[in-house]
Amino acid sequence: MSFTISQEAKKRLDEIKKQYPDPKSAVMSALYLVQEEHHHISDEAISWIADELGMSPVRVMELVTFYTMYRRKEVGKYHVQVCRTLSCGLCGARKLMDYLHERLGIVPGEVTEDGLFSYEHVECLGSCGTGPMCEINDTYFENLTPEKLADIIDRIQAEKPELHFSTLRDKLGEGLSGCPKSEVM
């Protein structure tokens, strides 16, 4: 199976490579571009990135497996990451995890049958003062309860024909918070 990315993403990568004296320095940006478009990093993507940047696939794989922000498995259109470290844990993160399991009918790492949702438990997302919290795609939702999380999921499901992977905050963020990339619930 041959790997491809959109012409727009390829053009963005070419522009990013020009910013560095050595194209290999663009590897993390290339990984983000691929993940943004394909929602995960496949073996084919790793080989493609290595070829594009003049690297060994092993070097690309080292980065993918070291950093937790890169996903090797396919995820849902809306990927929920629930922080499970101490601050969020003390504030009720376990209730959020239990709610997601019950509501979505999947365990961490699985995708719902409709392909809309997946979730996982993650280490600190850096919002320790506003736990429990989760990140859905690139948007933080803080001070959560299972009821607030239910409202978010209901709103996503109600709008799903119109939502795109990168527009969650555009659809849900209006009026929730004045903070960019963060939704205080």
C-alpha atoms as a PDB file:
ATOM      1  CA  MET A   1       0.000   0.000   0.000  1.00  0.00           C
ATOM      2  CA  SER A   2       1.449   3.340  -0.961  1.00  0.00           C
ATOM      3  CA  PHE A   3       1.176   6.304   1.365  1.00  0.00           C
ATOM      4  CA  THR A   4       0.009   9.724   0.223  1.00  0.00           C
ATOM      5  CA  ILE A   5      -0.826  13.066   1.752  1.00  0.00           C
ATOM      6  CA  SER A   6      -2.793  15.915   0.264  1.00  0.00           C
ATOM      7  CA  GLN A   7      -1.089  18.419  -2.003  1.00  0.00           C
ATOM      8  CA  GLU A   8      -1.766  21.094   0.611  1.00  0.00           C
ATOM      9  CA  ALA A   9       0.010  19.099   3.340  1.00  0.00           C
ATOM     10  CA  LYS A  10       2.909  18.330   0.988  1.00  0.00           C
ATOM     11  CA  LYS A  11       3.215  22.019   0.177  1.00  0.00           C
ATOM     12  CA  ARG A  12       3.215  22.875   3.897  1.00  0.00           C
ATOM     13  CA  LEU A  13       5.951  20.313   4.530  1.00  0.00           C
ATOM     14  CA  ASP A  14       8.050  21.724   1.690  1.00  0.00           C
ATOM     15  CA  GLU A  15       7.726  25.201   3.231  1.00  0.00           C
ATOM     16  CA  ILE A  16       8.666  23.892   6.676  1.00  0.00           C
ATOM     17  CA  LYS A  17      11.752  22.109   5.293  1.00  0.00           C
ATOM     18  CA  LYS A  18      12.980  25.435   3.885  1.00  0.00           C
ATOM     19  CA  GLN A  19      13.134  26.846   7.424  1.00  0.00           C
ATOM     20  CA  TYR A  20      15.946  24.477   8.428  1.00  0.00           C
ATOM     21  CA  PRO A  21      19.505  24.050   7.160  1.00  0.00           C
ATOM     22  CA  ASP A  22      18.969  20.276   7.273  1.00  0.00           C
ATOM     23  CA  PRO A  23      15.585  18.858   6.170  1.00  0.00           C
ATOM     24  CA  LYS A  24      15.822  16.210   8.909  1.00  0.00           C
ATOM     25  CA  SER A  25      15.093  18.965  11.419  1.00  0.00           C
ATOM     26  CA  ALA A  26      11.515  19.092  10.091  1.00  0.00           C
ATOM     27  CA  VAL A  27      10.757  15.545  11.223  1.00  0.00           C
ATOM     28  CA  MET A  28       8.479  16.454  14.138  1.00  0.00           C
ATOM     29  CA  SER A  29       6.536  18.894  11.973  1.00  0.00           C
ATOM     30  CA  ALA A  30       6.209  16.208   9.306  1.00  0.00           C
ATOM     31  CA  LEU A  31       4.840  13.802  11.899  1.00  0.00           C
ATOM     32  CA  TYR A  32       2.284  16.386  13.010  1.00  0.00           C
ATOM     33  CA  LEU A  33       1.200  17.026   9.421  1.00  0.00           C
ATOM     34  CA  VAL A  34       0.694  13.336   8.744  1.00  0.00           C
ATOM     35  CA  GLN A  35      -1.148  12.783  12.008  1.00  0.00           C
ATOM     36  CA  GLU A  36      -3.348  15.818  11.410  1.00  0.00           C
ATOM     37  CA  GLU A  37      -4.409  14.417   8.062  1.00  0.00           C
ATOM     38  CA  HIS A  38      -4.528  10.679   8.815  1.00  0.00           C
ATOM     39  CA  HIS A  39      -5.186  10.796  12.589  1.00  0.00           C
ATOM     40  CA  HIS A  40      -2.331   8.359  13.259  1.00  0.00           C
ATOM     41  CA  ILE A  41       1.192   7.492  12.057  1.00  0.00           C
ATOM     42  CA  SER A  42       1.317   4.246  10.074  1.00  0.00           C
ATOM     43  CA  ASP A  43       4.412   2.268   9.055  1.00  0.00           C
ATOM     44  CA  GLU A  44       3.869   3.547   5.520  1.00  0.00           C
ATOM     45  CA  ALA A  45       3.815   7.129   6.821  1.00  0.00           C
ATOM     46  CA  ILE A  46       7.072   6.566   8.686  1.00  0.00           C
ATOM     47  CA  SER A  47       8.742   5.308   5.494  1.00  0.00           C
ATOM     48  CA  TRP A  48       7.307   8.221   3.498  1.00  0.00           C
ATOM     49  CA  ILE A  49       8.556  10.804   6.019  1.00  0.00           C
ATOM     50  CA  ALA A  50      11.987   9.156   6.104  1.00  0.00           C
ATOM     51  CA  ASP A  51      12.201   9.335   2.297  1.00  0.00           C
ATOM     52  CA  GLU A  52      10.994  12.955   2.230  1.00  0.00           C
ATOM     53  CA  LEU A  53      13.571  14.065   4.785  1.00  0.00           C
ATOM     54  CA  GLY A  54      16.497  11.836   3.818  1.00  0.00           C
ATOM     55  CA  MET A  55      16.433   9.861   7.050  1.00  0.00           C
ATOM     56  CA  SER A  56      16.394   6.267   8.113  1.00  0.00           C
ATOM     57  CA  PRO A  57      12.882   4.986   8.955  1.00  0.00           C
ATOM     58  CA  VAL A  58      14.328   3.775  12.264  1.00  0.00           C
ATOM     59  CA  ARG A  59      15.150   7.369  13.265  1.00  0.00           C
ATOM     60  CA  VAL A  60      11.581   8.461  12.500  1.00  0.00           C
ATOM     61  CA  MET A  61      10.197   5.474  14.417  1.00  0.00           C
ATOM     62  CA  GLU A  62      12.347   6.407  17.430  1.00  0.00           C
ATOM     63  CA  LEU A  63      10.570   9.750  17.662  1.00  0.00           C
ATOM     64  CA  VAL A  64       7.117   8.279  17.104  1.00  0.00           C
ATOM     65  CA  THR A  65       7.570   5.737  19.864  1.00  0.00           C
ATOM     66  CA  PHE A  66       9.282   8.126  22.293  1.00  0.00           C
ATOM     67  CA  TYR A  67       6.752  10.973  22.234  1.00  0.00           C
ATOM     68  CA  THR A  68       3.246  10.164  23.443  1.00  0.00           C
ATOM     69  CA  MET A  69       1.583  12.815  21.273  1.00  0.00           C
ATOM     70  CA  TYR A  70       2.132  10.674  18.186  1.00  0.00           C
ATOM     71  CA  ARG A  71      -0.420   7.919  17.707  1.00  0.00           C
ATOM     72  CA  ARG A  72       0.366   4.612  16.024  1.00  0.00           C
ATOM     73  CA  LYS A  73      -3.217   3.336  15.955  1.00  0.00           C
ATOM     74  CA  GLU A  74      -6.218   4.850  14.252  1.00  0.00           C
ATOM     75  CA  VAL A  75      -8.407   6.952  16.504  1.00  0.00           C
ATOM     76  CA  GLY A  76     -11.930   8.286  16.249  1.00  0.00           C
ATOM     77  CA  LYS A  77     -12.792  11.562  14.608  1.00  0.00           C
ATOM     78  CA  TYR A  78     -12.955  12.930  18.164  1.00  0.00           C
ATOM     79  CA  HIS A  79     -10.145  11.543  20.281  1.00  0.00           C
ATOM     80  CA  VAL A  80     -10.656  12.085  24.015  1.00  0.00           C
ATOM     81  CA  GLN A  81      -7.599  12.052  26.268  1.00  0.00           C
ATOM     82  CA  VAL A  82      -8.390  11.986  29.979  1.00  0.00           C
ATOM     83  CA  CYS A  83      -5.617  13.124  32.315  1.00  0.00           C
ATOM     84  CA  ARG A  84      -5.098  10.551  35.044  1.00  0.00           C
ATOM     85  CA  THR A  85      -2.232  11.983  37.058  1.00  0.00           C
ATOM     86  CA  LEU A  86      -2.392  13.070  40.696  1.00  0.00           C
ATOM     87  CA  SER A  87      -4.149  16.441  40.487  1.00  0.00           C
ATOM     88  CA  CYS A  88      -6.849  15.249  38.097  1.00  0.00           C
ATOM     89  CA  GLY A  89      -7.074  11.907  39.872  1.00  0.00           C
ATOM     90  CA  LEU A  90      -7.793  13.554  43.215  1.00  0.00           C
ATOM     91  CA  CYS A  91     -10.465  15.722  41.594  1.00  0.00           C
ATOM     92  CA  GLY A  92     -12.393  12.878  39.957  1.00  0.00           C
ATOM     93  CA  ALA A  93     -10.687  11.757  36.749  1.00  0.00           C
ATOM     94  CA  ARG A  94     -11.679   8.134  37.459  1.00  0.00           C
ATOM     95  CA  LYS A  95     -15.363   9.148  37.236  1.00  0.00           C
ATOM     96  CA  LEU A  96     -14.706  10.628  33.777  1.00  0.00           C
ATOM     97  CA  MET A  97     -12.951   7.451  32.649  1.00  0.00           C
ATOM     98  CA  ASP A  98     -15.780   5.273  33.956  1.00  0.00           C
ATOM     99  CA  TYR A  99     -18.347   7.516  32.287  1.00  0.00           C
ATOM    100  CA  LEU A 100     -16.602   7.320  28.896  1.00  0.00           C
ATOM    101  CA  HIS A 101     -16.384   3.540  29.131  1.00  0.00           C
ATOM    102  CA  GLU A 102     -20.094   3.283  29.925  1.00  0.00           C
ATOM    103  CA  ARG A 103     -21.292   5.937  27.467  1.00  0.00           C
ATOM    104  CA  LEU A 104     -19.173   4.948  24.474  1.00  0.00           C
ATOM    105  CA  GLY A 105     -19.149   1.197  25.082  1.00  0.00           C
ATOM    106  CA  ILE A 106     -15.430   0.912  24.403  1.00  0.00           C
ATOM    107  CA  VAL A 107     -12.241   0.556  26.400  1.00  0.00           C
ATOM    108  CA  PRO A 108      -9.260   2.897  26.084  1.00  0.00           C
ATOM    109  CA  GLY A 109      -7.578   2.482  22.712  1.00  0.00           C
ATOM    110  CA  GLU A 110     -10.718   1.347  20.880  1.00  0.00           C
ATOM    111  CA  VAL A 111     -12.870   3.313  18.432  1.00  0.00           C
ATOM    112  CA  THR A 112     -16.666   3.423  18.491  1.00  0.00           C
ATOM    113  CA  GLU A 113     -18.413   1.548  15.683  1.00  0.00           C
ATOM    114  CA  ASP A 114     -19.416   4.802  13.980  1.00  0.00           C
ATOM    115  CA  GLY A 115     -15.771   5.950  14.021  1.00  0.00           C
ATOM    116  CA  LEU A 116     -16.727   9.099  15.879  1.00  0.00           C
ATOM    117  CA  PHE A 117     -15.021   8.590  19.261  1.00  0.00           C
ATOM    118  CA  SER A 118     -11.983   7.000  20.830  1.00  0.00           C
ATOM    119  CA  TYR A 119     -10.436   7.660  24.198  1.00  0.00           C
ATOM    120  CA  GLU A 120      -7.364   6.989  26.229  1.00  0.00           C
ATOM    121  CA  HIS A 121      -5.934   7.727  29.643  1.00  0.00           C
ATOM    122  CA  VAL A 122      -2.878   9.968  29.467  1.00  0.00           C
ATOM    123  CA  GLU A 123      -0.323  11.438  31.781  1.00  0.00           C
ATOM    124  CA  CYS A 124      -0.312  15.105  32.724  1.00  0.00           C
ATOM    125  CA  LEU A 125      -1.717  17.513  30.159  1.00  0.00           C
ATOM    126  CA  GLY A 126      -0.366  20.497  32.092  1.00  0.00           C
ATOM    127  CA  SER A 127      -3.621  21.850  33.480  1.00  0.00           C
ATOM    128  CA  CYS A 128      -3.212  20.732  37.082  1.00  0.00           C
ATOM    129  CA  GLY A 129      -5.149  23.621  38.617  1.00  0.00           C
ATOM    130  CA  THR A 130      -8.308  22.909  36.628  1.00  0.00           C
ATOM    131  CA  GLY A 131      -8.765  19.166  36.981  1.00  0.00           C
ATOM    132  CA  PRO A 132     -10.243  16.892  36.228  1.00  0.00           C
ATOM    133  CA  MET A 133      -9.764  17.673  32.595  1.00  0.00           C
ATOM    134  CA  CYS A 134      -9.552  16.101  29.187  1.00  0.00           C
ATOM    135  CA  GLU A 135      -8.388  17.074  25.743  1.00  0.00           C
ATOM    136  CA  ILE A 136     -10.603  16.372  22.755  1.00  0.00           C
ATOM    137  CA  ASN A 137      -8.527  16.662  19.604  1.00  0.00           C
ATOM    138  CA  ASP A 138      -6.687  19.934  20.334  1.00  0.00           C
ATOM    139  CA  THR A 139      -9.125  21.499  22.803  1.00  0.00           C
ATOM    140  CA  TYR A 140      -8.890  21.375  26.594  1.00  0.00           C
ATOM    141  CA  PHE A 141     -12.049  20.914  28.658  1.00  0.00           C
ATOM    142  CA  GLU A 142     -11.437  21.656  32.319  1.00  0.00           C
ATOM    143  CA  ASN A 143     -13.192  21.385  35.701  1.00  0.00           C
ATOM    144  CA  LEU A 144     -15.173  18.477  34.306  1.00  0.00           C
ATOM    145  CA  THR A 145     -17.789  16.246  35.832  1.00  0.00           C
ATOM    146  CA  PRO A 146     -19.409  13.275  34.109  1.00  0.00           C
ATOM    147  CA  GLU A 147     -22.461  15.497  33.522  1.00  0.00           C
ATOM    148  CA  LYS A 148     -20.391  18.207  31.827  1.00  0.00           C
ATOM    149  CA  LEU A 149     -18.620  15.586  29.730  1.00  0.00           C
ATOM    150  CA  ALA A 150     -22.017  14.125  28.773  1.00  0.00           C
ATOM    151  CA  ASP A 151     -23.081  17.568  27.552  1.00  0.00           C
ATOM    152  CA  ILE A 152     -19.946  17.879  25.411  1.00  0.00           C
ATOM    153  CA  ILE A 153     -20.488  14.441  23.861  1.00  0.00           C
ATOM    154  CA  ASP A 154     -24.172  15.202  23.245  1.00  0.00           C
ATOM    155  CA  ARG A 155     -23.215  18.416  21.468  1.00  0.00           C
ATOM    156  CA  ILE A 156     -20.619  16.673  19.326  1.00  0.00           C
ATOM    157  CA  GLN A 157     -23.086  13.943  18.348  1.00  0.00           C
ATOM    158  CA  ALA A 158     -25.802  16.480  17.547  1.00  0.00           C
ATOM    159  CA  GLU A 159     -23.490  18.313  15.147  1.00  0.00           C
ATOM    160  CA  LYS A 160     -21.492  15.395  13.741  1.00  0.00           C
ATOM    161  CA  PRO A 161     -22.471  15.805  10.074  1.00  0.00           C
ATOM    162  CA  GLU A 162     -21.056  19.341  10.115  1.00  0.00           C
ATOM    163  CA  LEU A 163     -17.978  18.832  12.263  1.00  0.00           C
ATOM    164  CA  HIS A 164     -14.506  18.264  10.935  1.00  0.00           C
ATOM    165  CA  PHE A 165     -11.490  16.941  12.814  1.00  0.00           C
ATOM    166  CA  SER A 166      -9.941  20.360  13.373  1.00  0.00           C
ATOM    167  CA  THR A 167     -13.084  22.418  13.998  1.00  0.00           C
ATOM    168  CA  LEU A 168     -14.255  21.134  17.363  1.00  0.00           C
ATOM    169  CA  ARG A 169     -13.371  24.357  19.168  1.00  0.00           C
ATOM    170  CA  ASP A 170     -14.994  26.422  16.425  1.00  0.00           C
ATOM    171  CA  LYS A 171     -18.294  24.579  16.928  1.00  0.00           C
ATOM    172  CA  LEU A 172     -18.258  24.098  20.695  1.00  0.00           C
ATOM    173  CA  GLY A 173     -15.973  26.851  21.923  1.00  0.00           C
ATOM    174  CA  GLU A 174     -18.134  29.897  21.361  1.00  0.00           C
ATOM    175  CA  GLY A 175     -19.251  31.261  24.692  1.00  0.00           C
ATOM    176  CA  LEU A 176     -17.592  28.567  26.792  1.00  0.00           C
ATOM    177  CA  SER A 177     -14.448  30.449  27.687  1.00  0.00           C
ATOM    178  CA  GLY A 178     -12.386  33.420  26.685  1.00  0.00           C
ATOM    179  CA  CYS A 179      -9.238  31.323  26.832  1.00  0.00           C
ATOM    180  CA  PRO A 180      -7.838  30.131  23.506  1.00  0.00           C
ATOM    181  CA  LYS A 181      -7.527  26.356  23.133  1.00  0.00           C
ATOM    182  CA  SER A 182      -9.146  25.834  26.517  1.00  0.00           C
ATOM    183  CA  GLU A 183     -12.729  25.367  27.521  1.00  0.00           C
ATOM    184  CA  VAL A 184     -13.446  25.895  31.196  1.00  0.00           C
ATOM    185  CA  MET A 185     -16.579  23.958  31.943  1.00  0.00           C
END
